[in-house]
Amino acid sequence: MTKTIVVGLSGPSCAGKTTITLCLAKLFPKIAVIHQDNFYKKDADIPIDPETQLQDWDCPEAFDMNRLVETVCMARKRLENKGQLSDTDSVNPLSDYAAQWANPPDNIESLMDPDTLKDLQQLVLEKLAKK
């Protein structure tokens, strides 16, 4: 069984979440990316703010947390049991996401020697384990 680490990234628009995610994917090819945006409820189900009378996309009720947790658990289980997700899994492949916004080099492996790449991978894993 493969050990799986779950990392959550958050931040405002254009803060670099996609860039960091794509760089991590280059360092760790067996990765599942689950975007929080996919778990907002349908427009008709978004609560109305009583003061503004506008849809409140920032309130907790606008978001399906249970479905997000179920999806993260499913992805983690698949990764731990199979070591990777298949094209038929419900988590979208990394290539489906905003690659036009952030383009880490495809050849990251060739930009540094193998020992440096392994050291960087280990450093990231150690930092994640401390959180």
N, C-alpha and C. Protein backbone atom coordinates (compact mmCIF):
# COMPACT_ATOMS: atom_id res chain seq x y z
N MET A 1 0.84 -1.18 0.00
CA MET A 1 0.00 0.00 0.00
C MET A 1 0.89 1.24 0.00
N THR A 2 0.55 2.20 -0.82
CA THR A 2 1.28 3.45 -0.95
C THR A 2 0.78 4.44 0.08
N LYS A 3 1.71 5.16 0.74
CA LYS A 3 1.30 6.22 1.67
C LYS A 3 0.87 7.42 0.85
N THR A 4 -0.26 7.99 1.21
CA THR A 4 -0.79 9.13 0.50
C THR A 4 -0.85 10.33 1.42
N ILE A 5 -0.40 11.47 0.93
CA ILE A 5 -0.45 12.72 1.66
C ILE A 5 -1.50 13.59 1.01
N VAL A 6 -2.39 14.16 1.80
CA VAL A 6 -3.40 15.08 1.29
C VAL A 6 -2.94 16.50 1.60
N VAL A 7 -2.89 17.33 0.58
CA VAL A 7 -2.48 18.72 0.71
C VAL A 7 -3.63 19.59 0.24
N GLY A 8 -4.00 20.56 1.05
CA GLY A 8 -5.03 21.51 0.66
C GLY A 8 -4.38 22.86 0.41
N LEU A 9 -4.68 23.45 -0.73
CA LEU A 9 -4.18 24.78 -1.06
C LEU A 9 -5.37 25.73 -1.15
N SER A 10 -5.22 26.90 -0.55
CA SER A 10 -6.28 27.89 -0.69
C SER A 10 -5.65 29.27 -0.84
N GLY A 11 -6.44 30.18 -1.31
CA GLY A 11 -5.96 31.54 -1.50
C GLY A 11 -6.84 32.26 -2.49
N PRO A 12 -6.66 33.57 -2.58
CA PRO A 12 -7.47 34.36 -3.51
C PRO A 12 -7.09 34.09 -4.96
N SER A 13 -7.87 34.61 -5.86
CA SER A 13 -7.58 34.47 -7.29
C SER A 13 -6.18 34.98 -7.59
N CYS A 14 -5.51 34.28 -8.47
CA CYS A 14 -4.17 34.65 -8.95
C CYS A 14 -3.12 34.63 -7.84
N ALA A 15 -3.33 33.83 -6.80
CA ALA A 15 -2.35 33.75 -5.72
C ALA A 15 -1.26 32.72 -6.00
N GLY A 16 -1.47 31.86 -7.02
CA GLY A 16 -0.46 30.87 -7.37
C GLY A 16 -0.83 29.43 -7.02
N LYS A 17 -2.09 29.19 -6.67
CA LYS A 17 -2.51 27.84 -6.30
C LYS A 17 -2.29 26.84 -7.44
N THR A 18 -2.67 27.22 -8.64
CA THR A 18 -2.51 26.32 -9.79
C THR A 18 -1.03 26.12 -10.11
N THR A 19 -0.26 27.18 -10.02
CA THR A 19 1.18 27.07 -10.28
C THR A 19 1.83 26.09 -9.30
N ILE A 20 1.51 26.23 -8.03
CA ILE A 20 2.08 25.32 -7.02
C ILE A 20 1.62 23.90 -7.28
N THR A 21 0.34 23.73 -7.60
CA THR A 21 -0.19 22.39 -7.86
C THR A 21 0.51 21.74 -9.05
N LEU A 22 0.69 22.49 -10.12
CA LEU A 22 1.33 21.92 -11.30
C LEU A 22 2.81 21.62 -11.04
N CYS A 23 3.46 22.46 -10.25
CA CYS A 23 4.86 22.17 -9.90
C CYS A 23 4.95 20.92 -9.02
N LEU A 24 4.04 20.77 -8.07
CA LEU A 24 4.03 19.55 -7.26
C LEU A 24 3.78 18.32 -8.12
N ALA A 25 2.92 18.47 -9.13
CA ALA A 25 2.64 17.35 -10.03
C ALA A 25 3.87 16.95 -10.82
N LYS A 26 4.71 17.92 -11.13
CA LYS A 26 5.95 17.60 -11.84
C LYS A 26 6.91 16.85 -10.91
N LEU A 27 6.92 17.22 -9.63
CA LEU A 27 7.80 16.55 -8.67
C LEU A 27 7.27 15.18 -8.27
N PHE A 28 5.95 15.07 -8.18
CA PHE A 28 5.31 13.84 -7.73
C PHE A 28 4.25 13.45 -8.75
N PRO A 29 4.62 12.64 -9.75
CA PRO A 29 3.70 12.35 -10.86
C PRO A 29 2.41 11.62 -10.46
N LYS A 30 2.43 10.90 -9.36
CA LYS A 30 1.21 10.18 -8.93
C LYS A 30 0.42 11.10 -8.02
N ILE A 31 -0.33 11.99 -8.63
CA ILE A 31 -1.04 13.03 -7.89
C ILE A 31 -2.48 13.11 -8.38
N ALA A 32 -3.37 13.40 -7.46
CA ALA A 32 -4.76 13.67 -7.81
C ALA A 32 -5.03 15.12 -7.45
N VAL A 33 -5.61 15.86 -8.35
CA VAL A 33 -5.95 17.26 -8.10
C VAL A 33 -7.47 17.35 -8.03
N ILE A 34 -7.94 17.87 -6.92
CA ILE A 34 -9.37 18.02 -6.70
C ILE A 34 -9.63 19.50 -6.45
N HIS A 35 -10.34 20.13 -7.35
CA HIS A 35 -10.60 21.57 -7.23
C HIS A 35 -11.85 21.83 -6.40
N GLN A 36 -11.72 22.70 -5.43
CA GLN A 36 -12.83 23.06 -4.56
C GLN A 36 -14.00 23.64 -5.35
N ASP A 37 -13.72 24.33 -6.44
CA ASP A 37 -14.78 24.93 -7.25
C ASP A 37 -15.80 23.91 -7.73
N ASN A 38 -15.38 22.66 -7.87
CA ASN A 38 -16.28 21.61 -8.35
C ASN A 38 -17.33 21.20 -7.32
N PHE A 39 -17.24 21.74 -6.10
CA PHE A 39 -18.11 21.29 -5.03
C PHE A 39 -19.09 22.36 -4.55
N TYR A 40 -19.15 23.46 -5.31
CA TYR A 40 -20.18 24.45 -5.01
C TYR A 40 -21.51 23.93 -5.52
N LYS A 41 -22.55 24.29 -4.84
CA LYS A 41 -23.89 23.85 -5.22
C LYS A 41 -24.33 24.56 -6.50
N LYS A 42 -25.40 24.07 -7.09
CA LYS A 42 -25.95 24.68 -8.30
C LYS A 42 -26.46 26.08 -7.99
N ASP A 43 -26.47 26.92 -9.01
CA ASP A 43 -26.91 28.31 -8.83
C ASP A 43 -28.22 28.43 -8.05
N ALA A 44 -29.17 27.60 -8.38
CA ALA A 44 -30.49 27.67 -7.75
C ALA A 44 -30.44 27.33 -6.26
N ASP A 45 -29.38 26.65 -5.82
CA ASP A 45 -29.27 26.21 -4.42
C ASP A 45 -28.37 27.11 -3.57
N ILE A 46 -27.85 28.16 -4.16
CA ILE A 46 -26.98 29.08 -3.41
C ILE A 46 -27.86 29.98 -2.55
N PRO A 47 -27.58 30.06 -1.25
CA PRO A 47 -28.41 30.89 -0.36
C PRO A 47 -28.36 32.37 -0.72
N ILE A 48 -29.42 33.06 -0.40
CA ILE A 48 -29.52 34.50 -0.62
C ILE A 48 -29.12 35.22 0.67
N ASP A 49 -28.21 36.17 0.54
CA ASP A 49 -27.81 36.98 1.68
C ASP A 49 -28.98 37.87 2.07
N PRO A 50 -29.39 37.85 3.35
CA PRO A 50 -30.56 38.64 3.76
C PRO A 50 -30.36 40.16 3.62
N GLU A 51 -29.14 40.62 3.76
CA GLU A 51 -28.89 42.07 3.66
C GLU A 51 -28.87 42.56 2.21
N THR A 52 -28.14 41.83 1.37
CA THR A 52 -27.95 42.30 -0.02
C THR A 52 -28.98 41.76 -0.99
N GLN A 53 -29.64 40.67 -0.58
CA GLN A 53 -30.58 39.97 -1.44
C GLN A 53 -29.89 39.39 -2.67
N LEU A 54 -28.57 39.13 -2.55
CA LEU A 54 -27.78 38.51 -3.61
C LEU A 54 -27.35 37.12 -3.16
N GLN A 55 -27.05 36.27 -4.13
CA GLN A 55 -26.54 34.95 -3.79
C GLN A 55 -25.23 35.09 -3.03
N ASP A 56 -25.10 34.30 -1.96
CA ASP A 56 -23.92 34.36 -1.11
C ASP A 56 -23.05 33.12 -1.36
N TRP A 57 -22.12 33.25 -2.29
CA TRP A 57 -21.24 32.14 -2.66
C TRP A 57 -20.17 31.89 -1.61
N ASP A 58 -20.02 32.79 -0.64
CA ASP A 58 -18.96 32.65 0.36
C ASP A 58 -19.44 32.02 1.67
N CYS A 59 -20.72 31.77 1.79
CA CYS A 59 -21.20 31.15 3.02
C CYS A 59 -21.01 29.63 2.95
N PRO A 60 -20.87 28.99 4.10
CA PRO A 60 -20.66 27.53 4.11
C PRO A 60 -21.76 26.73 3.42
N GLU A 61 -22.99 27.25 3.46
CA GLU A 61 -24.11 26.52 2.86
C GLU A 61 -24.06 26.48 1.34
N ALA A 62 -23.21 27.26 0.72
CA ALA A 62 -23.08 27.27 -0.75
C ALA A 62 -22.20 26.13 -1.25
N PHE A 63 -21.59 25.43 -0.32
CA PHE A 63 -20.55 24.46 -0.64
C PHE A 63 -20.96 23.08 -0.14
N ASP A 64 -20.71 22.04 -0.94
CA ASP A 64 -21.05 20.67 -0.56
C ASP A 64 -19.81 20.00 0.05
N MET A 65 -19.59 20.27 1.33
CA MET A 65 -18.41 19.75 2.03
C MET A 65 -18.42 18.22 2.10
N ASN A 66 -19.59 17.63 2.30
CA ASN A 66 -19.66 16.17 2.38
C ASN A 66 -19.17 15.52 1.09
N ARG A 67 -19.57 16.07 -0.04
CA ARG A 67 -19.14 15.50 -1.33
C ARG A 67 -17.65 15.68 -1.53
N LEU A 68 -17.10 16.82 -1.09
CA LEU A 68 -15.65 17.03 -1.18
C LEU A 68 -14.91 16.00 -0.34
N VAL A 69 -15.34 15.80 0.89
CA VAL A 69 -14.69 14.83 1.78
C VAL A 69 -14.78 13.43 1.18
N GLU A 70 -15.93 13.06 0.65
CA GLU A 70 -16.09 11.75 0.01
C GLU A 70 -15.13 11.60 -1.17
N THR A 71 -14.99 12.64 -1.97
CA THR A 71 -14.11 12.59 -3.14
C THR A 71 -12.64 12.48 -2.73
N VAL A 72 -12.25 13.23 -1.72
CA VAL A 72 -10.87 13.15 -1.22
C VAL A 72 -10.59 11.75 -0.68
N CYS A 73 -11.52 11.21 0.08
CA CYS A 73 -11.35 9.85 0.63
C CYS A 73 -11.26 8.81 -0.48
N MET A 74 -12.11 8.94 -1.51
CA MET A 74 -12.08 8.01 -2.64
C MET A 74 -10.73 8.09 -3.36
N ALA A 75 -10.28 9.31 -3.62
CA ALA A 75 -9.01 9.48 -4.33
C ALA A 75 -7.87 8.92 -3.50
N ARG A 76 -7.88 9.19 -2.21
CA ARG A 76 -6.82 8.68 -1.33
C ARG A 76 -6.81 7.15 -1.33
N LYS A 77 -7.98 6.56 -1.21
CA LYS A 77 -8.07 5.09 -1.20
C LYS A 77 -7.55 4.51 -2.51
N ARG A 78 -7.95 5.10 -3.64
CA ARG A 78 -7.47 4.61 -4.94
C ARG A 78 -5.95 4.75 -5.06
N LEU A 79 -5.43 5.89 -4.63
CA LEU A 79 -3.99 6.10 -4.72
C LEU A 79 -3.23 5.14 -3.81
N GLU A 80 -3.76 4.89 -2.61
CA GLU A 80 -3.08 3.98 -1.69
C GLU A 80 -3.13 2.55 -2.19
N ASN A 81 -4.23 2.16 -2.80
CA ASN A 81 -4.37 0.77 -3.25
C ASN A 81 -3.73 0.52 -4.61
N LYS A 82 -3.84 1.49 -5.53
CA LYS A 82 -3.34 1.28 -6.89
C LYS A 82 -2.10 2.10 -7.20
N GLY A 83 -1.79 3.09 -6.38
CA GLY A 83 -0.64 3.94 -6.63
C GLY A 83 -0.91 5.04 -7.63
N GLN A 84 -2.08 5.02 -8.25
CA GLN A 84 -2.44 6.08 -9.20
C GLN A 84 -3.93 6.00 -9.49
N LEU A 85 -4.44 7.03 -10.08
CA LEU A 85 -5.84 7.05 -10.50
C LEU A 85 -5.92 6.70 -11.97
N SER A 86 -7.00 6.08 -12.36
CA SER A 86 -7.18 5.75 -13.77
C SER A 86 -8.02 6.82 -14.43
N ASP A 87 -8.09 6.80 -15.75
CA ASP A 87 -8.88 7.76 -16.50
C ASP A 87 -10.37 7.66 -16.21
N THR A 88 -10.79 6.52 -15.65
CA THR A 88 -12.21 6.34 -15.38
C THR A 88 -12.60 6.80 -13.98
N ASP A 89 -11.64 7.21 -13.16
CA ASP A 89 -11.97 7.71 -11.83
C ASP A 89 -12.70 9.04 -11.94
N SER A 90 -13.47 9.36 -10.90
CA SER A 90 -14.28 10.58 -10.95
C SER A 90 -13.47 11.84 -10.69
N VAL A 91 -12.22 11.72 -10.25
CA VAL A 91 -11.38 12.89 -10.07
C VAL A 91 -10.74 13.20 -11.42
N ASN A 92 -10.90 14.44 -11.86
CA ASN A 92 -10.40 14.81 -13.18
C ASN A 92 -8.89 14.70 -13.27
N PRO A 93 -8.38 14.29 -14.42
CA PRO A 93 -6.93 14.25 -14.58
C PRO A 93 -6.34 15.65 -14.52
N LEU A 94 -5.08 15.72 -14.11
CA LEU A 94 -4.40 17.00 -13.95
C LEU A 94 -4.46 17.84 -15.22
N SER A 95 -4.44 17.19 -16.37
CA SER A 95 -4.41 17.93 -17.63
C SER A 95 -5.68 18.73 -17.87
N ASP A 96 -6.75 18.45 -17.11
CA ASP A 96 -8.01 19.18 -17.27
C ASP A 96 -7.96 20.59 -16.67
N TYR A 97 -6.92 20.90 -15.93
CA TYR A 97 -6.90 22.13 -15.16
C TYR A 97 -6.00 23.18 -15.75
N ALA A 98 -6.41 24.38 -15.71
CA ALA A 98 -5.78 25.65 -16.00
C ALA A 98 -4.32 25.65 -16.39
N ALA A 99 -3.91 24.74 -17.25
CA ALA A 99 -2.51 24.71 -17.69
C ALA A 99 -2.13 25.99 -18.43
N GLN A 100 -3.11 26.67 -18.99
CA GLN A 100 -2.80 27.91 -19.71
C GLN A 100 -2.42 29.02 -18.73
N TRP A 101 -2.73 28.87 -17.46
CA TRP A 101 -2.41 29.91 -16.47
C TRP A 101 -1.04 29.72 -15.88
N ALA A 102 -0.59 28.50 -15.82
CA ALA A 102 0.69 28.22 -15.16
C ALA A 102 1.37 27.09 -15.93
N ASN A 103 2.57 27.33 -16.36
CA ASN A 103 3.24 26.35 -17.19
C ASN A 103 4.62 25.99 -16.66
N PRO A 104 4.68 25.18 -15.60
CA PRO A 104 6.00 24.70 -15.21
C PRO A 104 6.54 23.84 -16.34
N PRO A 105 7.82 23.80 -16.51
CA PRO A 105 8.38 23.07 -17.66
C PRO A 105 8.04 21.59 -17.63
N ASP A 106 7.73 21.04 -18.80
CA ASP A 106 7.45 19.61 -18.90
C ASP A 106 8.69 18.78 -18.58
N ASN A 107 9.84 19.35 -18.83
CA ASN A 107 11.09 18.60 -18.66
C ASN A 107 11.78 18.94 -17.34
N ILE A 108 11.01 19.09 -16.26
CA ILE A 108 11.60 19.47 -14.98
C ILE A 108 12.70 18.50 -14.55
N GLU A 109 12.52 17.23 -14.92
CA GLU A 109 13.52 16.23 -14.55
C GLU A 109 14.88 16.55 -15.17
N SER A 110 14.88 17.12 -16.37
CA SER A 110 16.15 17.40 -17.05
C SER A 110 16.76 18.74 -16.64
N LEU A 111 16.02 19.53 -15.87
CA LEU A 111 16.54 20.81 -15.44
C LEU A 111 17.47 20.70 -14.23
N MET A 112 17.45 19.55 -13.58
CA MET A 112 18.36 19.32 -12.46
C MET A 112 18.79 17.87 -12.46
N ASP A 113 19.90 17.62 -11.85
CA ASP A 113 20.38 16.24 -11.85
C ASP A 113 19.48 15.39 -10.96
N PRO A 114 19.47 14.07 -11.18
CA PRO A 114 18.55 13.18 -10.45
C PRO A 114 18.71 13.27 -8.93
N ASP A 115 19.92 13.45 -8.44
CA ASP A 115 20.12 13.54 -6.99
C ASP A 115 19.46 14.80 -6.43
N THR A 116 19.58 15.91 -7.14
CA THR A 116 18.96 17.16 -6.70
C THR A 116 17.45 17.03 -6.72
N LEU A 117 16.89 16.39 -7.75
CA LEU A 117 15.45 16.18 -7.84
C LEU A 117 14.97 15.33 -6.66
N LYS A 118 15.68 14.26 -6.35
CA LYS A 118 15.29 13.40 -5.22
C LYS A 118 15.38 14.17 -3.90
N ASP A 119 16.43 14.99 -3.77
CA ASP A 119 16.57 15.81 -2.55
C ASP A 119 15.40 16.78 -2.41
N LEU A 120 14.99 17.39 -3.52
CA LEU A 120 13.86 18.32 -3.49
C LEU A 120 12.57 17.60 -3.15
N GLN A 121 12.36 16.43 -3.74
CA GLN A 121 11.18 15.64 -3.42
C GLN A 121 11.14 15.31 -1.93
N GLN A 122 12.27 14.90 -1.39
CA GLN A 122 12.36 14.54 0.02
C GLN A 122 12.10 15.75 0.91
N LEU A 123 12.66 16.90 0.54
CA LEU A 123 12.45 18.12 1.31
C LEU A 123 10.96 18.48 1.37
N VAL A 124 10.29 18.40 0.22
CA VAL A 124 8.85 18.72 0.19
C VAL A 124 8.09 17.74 1.07
N LEU A 125 8.41 16.46 0.97
CA LEU A 125 7.72 15.46 1.80
C LEU A 125 7.96 15.70 3.28
N GLU A 126 9.17 16.06 3.66
CA GLU A 126 9.48 16.34 5.06
C GLU A 126 8.69 17.55 5.55
N LYS A 127 8.61 18.59 4.73
CA LYS A 127 7.86 19.79 5.12
C LYS A 127 6.37 19.48 5.28
N LEU A 128 5.84 18.66 4.37
CA LEU A 128 4.43 18.29 4.46
C LEU A 128 4.16 17.45 5.69
N ALA A 129 5.10 16.59 6.06
CA ALA A 129 4.92 15.71 7.23
C ALA A 129 4.90 16.51 8.53
N LYS A 130 5.52 17.68 8.55
CA LYS A 130 5.56 18.50 9.77
C LYS A 130 4.28 19.28 9.99
N LYS A 131 3.43 19.36 8.98
CA LYS A 131 2.21 20.19 9.10
C LYS A 131 1.10 19.43 9.75
